[in-house]
PDB file of N, CA and C in Angstrom:
ATOM      1  N   MET A   1       6.953 -36.206  -3.992  1.00  0.00           N
ATOM      2  CA  MET A   1       8.095 -35.631  -3.303  1.00  0.00           C
ATOM      3  C   MET A   1       8.735 -34.575  -4.214  1.00  0.00           C
ATOM      4  N   PRO A   2       8.823 -33.295  -3.800  1.00  0.00           N
ATOM      5  CA  PRO A   2       9.437 -32.266  -4.633  1.00  0.00           C
ATOM      6  C   PRO A   2      10.944 -32.458  -4.753  1.00  0.00           C
ATOM      7  N   LYS A   3      11.451 -32.042  -5.894  1.00  0.00           N
ATOM      8  CA  LYS A   3      12.899 -32.144  -6.125  1.00  0.00           C
ATOM      9  C   LYS A   3      13.606 -31.013  -5.395  1.00  0.00           C
ATOM     10  N   SER A   4      14.690 -31.316  -4.729  1.00  0.00           N
ATOM     11  CA  SER A   4      15.393 -30.307  -3.952  1.00  0.00           C
ATOM     12  C   SER A   4      16.463 -29.578  -4.746  1.00  0.00           C
ATOM     13  N   GLU A   5      16.898 -30.094  -5.871  1.00  0.00           N
ATOM     14  CA  GLU A   5      17.993 -29.490  -6.637  1.00  0.00           C
ATOM     15  C   GLU A   5      17.530 -28.478  -7.682  1.00  0.00           C
ATOM     16  N   ILE A   6      16.215 -28.275  -7.840  1.00  0.00           N
ATOM     17  CA  ILE A   6      15.755 -27.392  -8.920  1.00  0.00           C
ATOM     18  C   ILE A   6      15.573 -25.947  -8.484  1.00  0.00           C
ATOM     19  N   HIS A   7      15.577 -25.674  -7.203  1.00  0.00           N
ATOM     20  CA  HIS A   7      15.341 -24.317  -6.716  1.00  0.00           C
ATOM     21  C   HIS A   7      16.657 -23.559  -6.581  1.00  0.00           C
ATOM     22  N   PRO A   8      16.657 -22.253  -6.921  1.00  0.00           N
ATOM     23  CA  PRO A   8      17.887 -21.458  -6.773  1.00  0.00           C
ATOM     24  C   PRO A   8      18.189 -21.219  -5.290  1.00  0.00           C
ATOM     25  N   LYS A   9      19.432 -20.896  -5.025  1.00  0.00           N
ATOM     26  CA  LYS A   9      19.835 -20.597  -3.656  1.00  0.00           C
ATOM     27  C   LYS A   9      19.193 -19.276  -3.216  1.00  0.00           C
ATOM     28  N   TRP A  10      18.706 -19.220  -1.984  1.00  0.00           N
ATOM     29  CA  TRP A  10      18.040 -18.039  -1.454  1.00  0.00           C
ATOM     30  C   TRP A  10      18.971 -17.315  -0.500  1.00  0.00           C
ATOM     31  N   PHE A  11      19.183 -16.025  -0.762  1.00  0.00           N
ATOM     32  CA  PHE A  11      19.992 -15.180   0.098  1.00  0.00           C
ATOM     33  C   PHE A  11      19.038 -14.314   0.921  1.00  0.00           C
ATOM     34  N   THR A  12      19.094 -14.430   2.232  1.00  0.00           N
ATOM     35  CA  THR A  12      18.133 -13.722   3.083  1.00  0.00           C
ATOM     36  C   THR A  12      18.533 -12.288   3.364  1.00  0.00           C
ATOM     37  N   HIS A  13      19.791 -11.937   3.174  1.00  0.00           N
ATOM     38  CA  HIS A  13      20.271 -10.587   3.501  1.00  0.00           C
ATOM     39  C   HIS A  13      21.001  -9.999   2.286  1.00  0.00           C
ATOM     40  N   THR A  14      20.261  -9.778   1.204  1.00  0.00           N
ATOM     41  CA  THR A  14      20.832  -9.270  -0.039  1.00  0.00           C
ATOM     42  C   THR A  14      20.831  -7.747  -0.040  1.00  0.00           C
ATOM     43  N   PRO A  15      21.997  -7.107  -0.195  1.00  0.00           N
ATOM     44  CA  PRO A  15      22.004  -5.644  -0.251  1.00  0.00           C
ATOM     45  C   PRO A  15      21.538  -5.136  -1.615  1.00  0.00           C
ATOM     46  N   VAL A  16      20.794  -4.030  -1.599  1.00  0.00           N
ATOM     47  CA  VAL A  16      20.365  -3.354  -2.819  1.00  0.00           C
ATOM     48  C   VAL A  16      21.155  -2.055  -2.886  1.00  0.00           C
ATOM     49  N   PHE A  17      21.905  -1.864  -3.976  1.00  0.00           N
ATOM     50  CA  PHE A  17      22.765  -0.694  -4.133  1.00  0.00           C
ATOM     51  C   PHE A  17      22.191   0.274  -5.156  1.00  0.00           C
ATOM     52  N   CYS A  18      22.316   1.565  -4.864  1.00  0.00           N
ATOM     53  CA  CYS A  18      21.991   2.625  -5.816  1.00  0.00           C
ATOM     54  C   CYS A  18      23.101   3.655  -5.704  1.00  0.00           C
ATOM     55  N   ASP A  19      23.764   3.963  -6.793  1.00  0.00           N
ATOM     56  CA  ASP A  19      24.913   4.875  -6.817  1.00  0.00           C
ATOM     57  C   ASP A  19      26.031   4.402  -5.899  1.00  0.00           C
ATOM     58  N   GLY A  20      26.191   3.090  -5.799  1.00  0.00           N
ATOM     59  CA  GLY A  20      27.271   2.518  -5.003  1.00  0.00           C
ATOM     60  C   GLY A  20      27.018   2.483  -3.511  1.00  0.00           C
ATOM     61  N   LYS A  21      25.842   2.931  -3.072  1.00  0.00           N
ATOM     62  CA  LYS A  21      25.522   2.954  -1.641  1.00  0.00           C
ATOM     63  C   LYS A  21      24.424   1.944  -1.351  1.00  0.00           C
ATOM     64  N   PRO A  22      24.542   1.185  -0.281  1.00  0.00           N
ATOM     65  CA  PRO A  22      23.456   0.253   0.065  1.00  0.00           C
ATOM     66  C   PRO A  22      22.226   1.028   0.560  1.00  0.00           C
ATOM     67  N   ILE A  23      21.070   0.718  -0.019  1.00  0.00           N
ATOM     68  CA  ILE A  23      19.851   1.426   0.361  1.00  0.00           C
ATOM     69  C   ILE A  23      18.872   0.535   1.112  1.00  0.00           C
ATOM     70  N   ALA A  24      18.998  -0.787   0.951  1.00  0.00           N
ATOM     71  CA  ALA A  24      18.067  -1.701   1.613  1.00  0.00           C
ATOM     72  C   ALA A  24      18.662  -3.099   1.603  1.00  0.00           C
ATOM     73  N   TYR A  25      18.095  -3.947   2.422  1.00  0.00           N
ATOM     74  CA  TYR A  25      18.461  -5.361   2.451  1.00  0.00           C
ATOM     75  C   TYR A  25      17.178  -6.159   2.313  1.00  0.00           C
ATOM     76  N   ILE A  26      17.178  -7.081   1.337  1.00  0.00           N
ATOM     77  CA  ILE A  26      15.990  -7.872   1.056  1.00  0.00           C
ATOM     78  C   ILE A  26      16.381  -9.329   0.871  1.00  0.00           C
ATOM     79  N   GLY A  27      15.405 -10.193   0.721  1.00  0.00           N
ATOM     80  CA  GLY A  27      15.643 -11.581   0.354  1.00  0.00           C
ATOM     81  C   GLY A  27      15.601 -11.711  -1.151  1.00  0.00           C
ATOM     82  N   SER A  28      16.548 -12.453  -1.727  1.00  0.00           N
ATOM     83  CA  SER A  28      16.620 -12.561  -3.179  1.00  0.00           C
ATOM     84  C   SER A  28      17.378 -13.817  -3.576  1.00  0.00           C
ATOM     85  N   THR A  29      17.301 -14.152  -4.851  1.00  0.00           N
ATOM     86  CA  THR A  29      18.076 -15.267  -5.378  1.00  0.00           C
ATOM     87  C   THR A  29      19.435 -14.814  -5.894  1.00  0.00           C
ATOM     88  N   LYS A  30      19.713 -13.514  -5.812  1.00  0.00           N
ATOM     89  CA  LYS A  30      21.017 -12.973  -6.206  1.00  0.00           C
ATOM     90  C   LYS A  30      21.746 -12.486  -4.970  1.00  0.00           C
ATOM     91  N   GLU A  31      23.075 -12.484  -5.016  1.00  0.00           N
ATOM     92  CA  GLU A  31      23.863 -12.074  -3.857  1.00  0.00           C
ATOM     93  C   GLU A  31      23.791 -10.579  -3.600  1.00  0.00           C
ATOM     94  N   GLU A  32      23.674  -9.771  -4.668  1.00  0.00           N
ATOM     95  CA  GLU A  32      23.494  -8.335  -4.513  1.00  0.00           C
ATOM     96  C   GLU A  32      22.740  -7.799  -5.722  1.00  0.00           C
ATOM     97  N   LEU A  33      22.032  -6.708  -5.520  1.00  0.00           N
ATOM     98  CA  LEU A  33      21.253  -6.074  -6.581  1.00  0.00           C
ATOM     99  C   LEU A  33      21.702  -4.631  -6.744  1.00  0.00           C
ATOM    100  N   VAL A  34      21.735  -4.160  -7.991  1.00  0.00           N
ATOM    101  CA  VAL A  34      22.103  -2.777  -8.294  1.00  0.00           C
ATOM    102  C   VAL A  34      20.951  -2.170  -9.080  1.00  0.00           C
ATOM    103  N   VAL A  35      20.431  -1.037  -8.590  1.00  0.00           N
ATOM    104  CA  VAL A  35      19.337  -0.349  -9.257  1.00  0.00           C
ATOM    105  C   VAL A  35      19.782   1.054  -9.652  1.00  0.00           C
ATOM    106  N   ASP A  36      19.189   1.591 -10.708  1.00  0.00           N
ATOM    107  CA  ASP A  36      19.512   2.936 -11.170  1.00  0.00           C
ATOM    108  C   ASP A  36      18.636   3.986 -10.501  1.00  0.00           C
ATOM    109  N   VAL A  37      17.366   3.652 -10.289  1.00  0.00           N
ATOM    110  CA  VAL A  37      16.406   4.602  -9.754  1.00  0.00           C
ATOM    111  C   VAL A  37      15.678   3.946  -8.587  1.00  0.00           C
ATOM    112  N   TRP A  38      15.474   4.712  -7.541  1.00  0.00           N
ATOM    113  CA  TRP A  38      14.652   4.262  -6.422  1.00  0.00           C
ATOM    114  C   TRP A  38      13.898   5.448  -5.866  1.00  0.00           C
ATOM    115  N   LEU A  39      13.150   5.273  -4.830  1.00  0.00           N
ATOM    116  CA  LEU A  39      12.231   6.281  -4.325  1.00  0.00           C
ATOM    117  C   LEU A  39      12.874   7.641  -4.088  1.00  0.00           C
ATOM    118  N   VAL A  40      14.065   7.696  -3.540  1.00  0.00           N
ATOM    119  CA  VAL A  40      14.679   8.970  -3.168  1.00  0.00           C
ATOM    120  C   VAL A  40      15.175   9.760  -4.380  1.00  0.00           C
ATOM    121  N   ASN A  41      15.607   9.099  -5.455  1.00  0.00           N
ATOM    122  CA  ASN A  41      16.115   9.847  -6.606  1.00  0.00           C
ATOM    123  C   ASN A  41      15.202   9.756  -7.831  1.00  0.00           C
ATOM    124  N   HIS A  42      13.975   9.264  -7.664  1.00  0.00           N
ATOM    125  CA  HIS A  42      13.042   9.186  -8.779  1.00  0.00           C
ATOM    126  C   HIS A  42      12.426  10.563  -9.024  1.00  0.00           C
ATOM    127  N   PRO A  43      12.388  11.025 -10.279  1.00  0.00           N
ATOM    128  CA  PRO A  43      11.885  12.371 -10.577  1.00  0.00           C
ATOM    129  C   PRO A  43      10.445  12.617 -10.108  1.00  0.00           C
ATOM    130  N   PHE A  44       9.603  11.605 -10.129  1.00  0.00           N
ATOM    131  CA  PHE A  44       8.214  11.789  -9.709  1.00  0.00           C
ATOM    132  C   PHE A  44       8.128  12.167  -8.237  1.00  0.00           C
ATOM    133  N   TYR A  45       8.934  11.522  -7.403  1.00  0.00           N
ATOM    134  CA  TYR A  45       8.876  11.757  -5.962  1.00  0.00           C
ATOM    135  C   TYR A  45       9.717  12.952  -5.513  1.00  0.00           C
ATOM    136  N   THR A  46      10.640  13.403  -6.329  1.00  0.00           N
ATOM    137  CA  THR A  46      11.477  14.542  -5.952  1.00  0.00           C
ATOM    138  C   THR A  46      10.968  15.851  -6.554  1.00  0.00           C
ATOM    139  N   ASP A  47       9.800  15.827  -7.190  1.00  0.00           N
ATOM    140  CA  ASP A  47       9.193  17.006  -7.829  1.00  0.00           C
ATOM    141  C   ASP A  47      10.091  17.637  -8.882  1.00  0.00           C
ATOM    142  N   SER A  48      10.955  16.851  -9.498  1.00  0.00           N
ATOM    143  CA  SER A  48      11.792  17.382 -10.571  1.00  0.00           C
ATOM    144  C   SER A  48      11.341  16.862 -11.929  1.00  0.00           C
ATOM    145  N   GLN A  49      10.175  16.233 -11.961  1.00  0.00           N
ATOM    146  CA  GLN A  49       9.656  15.692 -13.206  1.00  0.00           C
ATOM    147  C   GLN A  49       9.116  16.820 -14.070  1.00  0.00           C
ATOM    148  N   THR A  50       9.515  16.831 -15.331  1.00  0.00           N
ATOM    149  CA  THR A  50       9.000  17.822 -16.266  1.00  0.00           C
ATOM    150  C   THR A  50       8.454  17.104 -17.484  1.00  0.00           C
ATOM    151  N   ILE A  51       7.387  17.617 -18.020  1.00  0.00           N
ATOM    152  CA  ILE A  51       6.794  17.049 -19.224  1.00  0.00           C
ATOM    153  C   ILE A  51       7.213  17.926 -20.390  1.00  0.00           C
ATOM    154  N   ILE A  52       7.868  17.317 -21.355  1.00  0.00           N
ATOM    155  CA  ILE A  52       8.386  18.050 -22.501  1.00  0.00           C
ATOM    156  C   ILE A  52       7.568  17.661 -23.730  1.00  0.00           C
ATOM    157  N   ASP A  53       6.945  18.626 -24.337  1.00  0.00           N
ATOM    158  CA  ASP A  53       6.177  18.413 -25.557  1.00  0.00           C
ATOM    159  C   ASP A  53       6.930  19.086 -26.691  1.00  0.00           C
ATOM    160  N   SER A  54       8.004  18.440 -27.134  1.00  0.00           N
ATOM    161  CA  SER A  54       8.877  19.069 -28.111  1.00  0.00           C
ATOM    162  C   SER A  54       8.321  19.038 -29.526  1.00  0.00           C
ATOM    163  N   GLU A  55       7.348  18.194 -29.784  1.00  0.00           N
ATOM    164  CA  GLU A  55       6.835  18.091 -31.143  1.00  0.00           C
ATOM    165  C   GLU A  55       5.447  18.689 -31.302  1.00  0.00           C
ATOM    166  N   GLY A  56       4.915  19.340 -30.263  1.00  0.00           N
ATOM    167  CA  GLY A  56       3.605  19.972 -30.371  1.00  0.00           C
ATOM    168  C   GLY A  56       2.461  18.987 -30.463  1.00  0.00           C
ATOM    169  N   ARG A  57       2.599  17.822 -29.887  1.00  0.00           N
ATOM    170  CA  ARG A  57       1.570  16.788 -29.996  1.00  0.00           C
ATOM    171  C   ARG A  57       0.264  17.206 -29.342  1.00  0.00           C
ATOM    172  N   VAL A  58       0.368  17.860 -28.204  1.00  0.00           N
ATOM    173  CA  VAL A  58      -0.845  18.285 -27.509  1.00  0.00           C
ATOM    174  C   VAL A  58      -1.604  19.304 -28.349  1.00  0.00           C
ATOM    175  N   GLU A  59      -0.876  20.269 -28.887  1.00  0.00           N
ATOM    176  CA  GLU A  59      -1.527  21.297 -29.691  1.00  0.00           C
ATOM    177  C   GLU A  59      -2.164  20.692 -30.944  1.00  0.00           C
ATOM    178  N   ARG A  60      -1.466  19.758 -31.593  1.00  0.00           N
ATOM    179  CA  ARG A  60      -2.032  19.120 -32.777  1.00  0.00           C
ATOM    180  C   ARG A  60      -3.289  18.335 -32.430  1.00  0.00           C
ATOM    181  N   PHE A  61      -3.293  17.635 -31.307  1.00  0.00           N
ATOM    182  CA  PHE A  61      -4.463  16.879 -30.879  1.00  0.00           C
ATOM    183  C   PHE A  61      -5.637  17.821 -30.622  1.00  0.00           C
ATOM    184  N   MET A  62      -5.365  18.897 -29.880  1.00  0.00           N
ATOM    185  CA  MET A  62      -6.425  19.850 -29.555  1.00  0.00           C
ATOM    186  C   MET A  62      -6.998  20.488 -30.817  1.00  0.00           C
ATOM    187  N   LYS A  63      -6.129  20.831 -31.769  1.00  0.00           N
ATOM    188  CA  LYS A  63      -6.578  21.441 -33.015  1.00  0.00           C
ATOM    189  C   LYS A  63      -7.375  20.447 -33.859  1.00  0.00           C
ATOM    190  N   LYS A  64      -6.896  19.206 -33.902  1.00  0.00           N
ATOM    191  CA  LYS A  64      -7.549  18.171 -34.713  1.00  0.00           C
ATOM    192  C   LYS A  64      -8.973  17.925 -34.262  1.00  0.00           C
ATOM    193  N   TYR A  65      -9.204  17.909 -32.949  1.00  0.00           N
ATOM    194  CA  TYR A  65     -10.531  17.615 -32.418  1.00  0.00           C
ATOM    195  C   TYR A  65     -11.306  18.861 -31.988  1.00  0.00           C
ATOM    196  N   GLY A  66     -10.765  20.034 -32.304  1.00  0.00           N
ATOM    197  CA  GLY A  66     -11.457  21.279 -32.025  1.00  0.00           C
ATOM    198  C   GLY A  66     -11.660  21.546 -30.540  1.00  0.00           C
ATOM    199  N   LEU A  67     -10.716  21.162 -29.732  1.00  0.00           N
ATOM    200  CA  LEU A  67     -10.811  21.364 -28.274  1.00  0.00           C
ATOM    201  C   LEU A  67     -10.033  22.608 -27.892  1.00  0.00           C
ATOM    202  N   ASN A  68     -10.422  23.195 -26.759  1.00  0.00           N
ATOM    203  CA  ASN A  68      -9.766  24.403 -26.286  1.00  0.00           C
ATOM    204  C   ASN A  68      -9.245  24.171 -24.887  1.00  0.00           C
ATOM    205  N   LEU A  69      -7.991  24.529 -24.627  1.00  0.00           N
ATOM    206  CA  LEU A  69      -7.379  24.328 -23.308  1.00  0.00           C
ATOM    207  C   LEU A  69      -7.970  25.268 -22.257  1.00  0.00           C
ATOM    208  N   ASN A  70      -8.438  26.420 -22.645  1.00  0.00           N
ATOM    209  CA  ASN A  70      -8.920  27.423 -21.680  1.00  0.00           C
ATOM    210  C   ASN A  70     -10.333  27.173 -21.276  1.00  0.00           C
TER     211      ASN A  70
END
């Protein structure tokens, strides 16, 4: 017989907030969830992602192994 007191309480209509706005409702063991990044404001999906090579790592790698980008 499984113990009934060991499982957390399940909330079936838990709001997920991003920037103070509810974005979704899910089932969870918490009453509400707050996320920093989600699909709409993630840099990968908004085409605002930039790759910064501030230390020249790519160039050093290419030079070390004698590879050419062109």
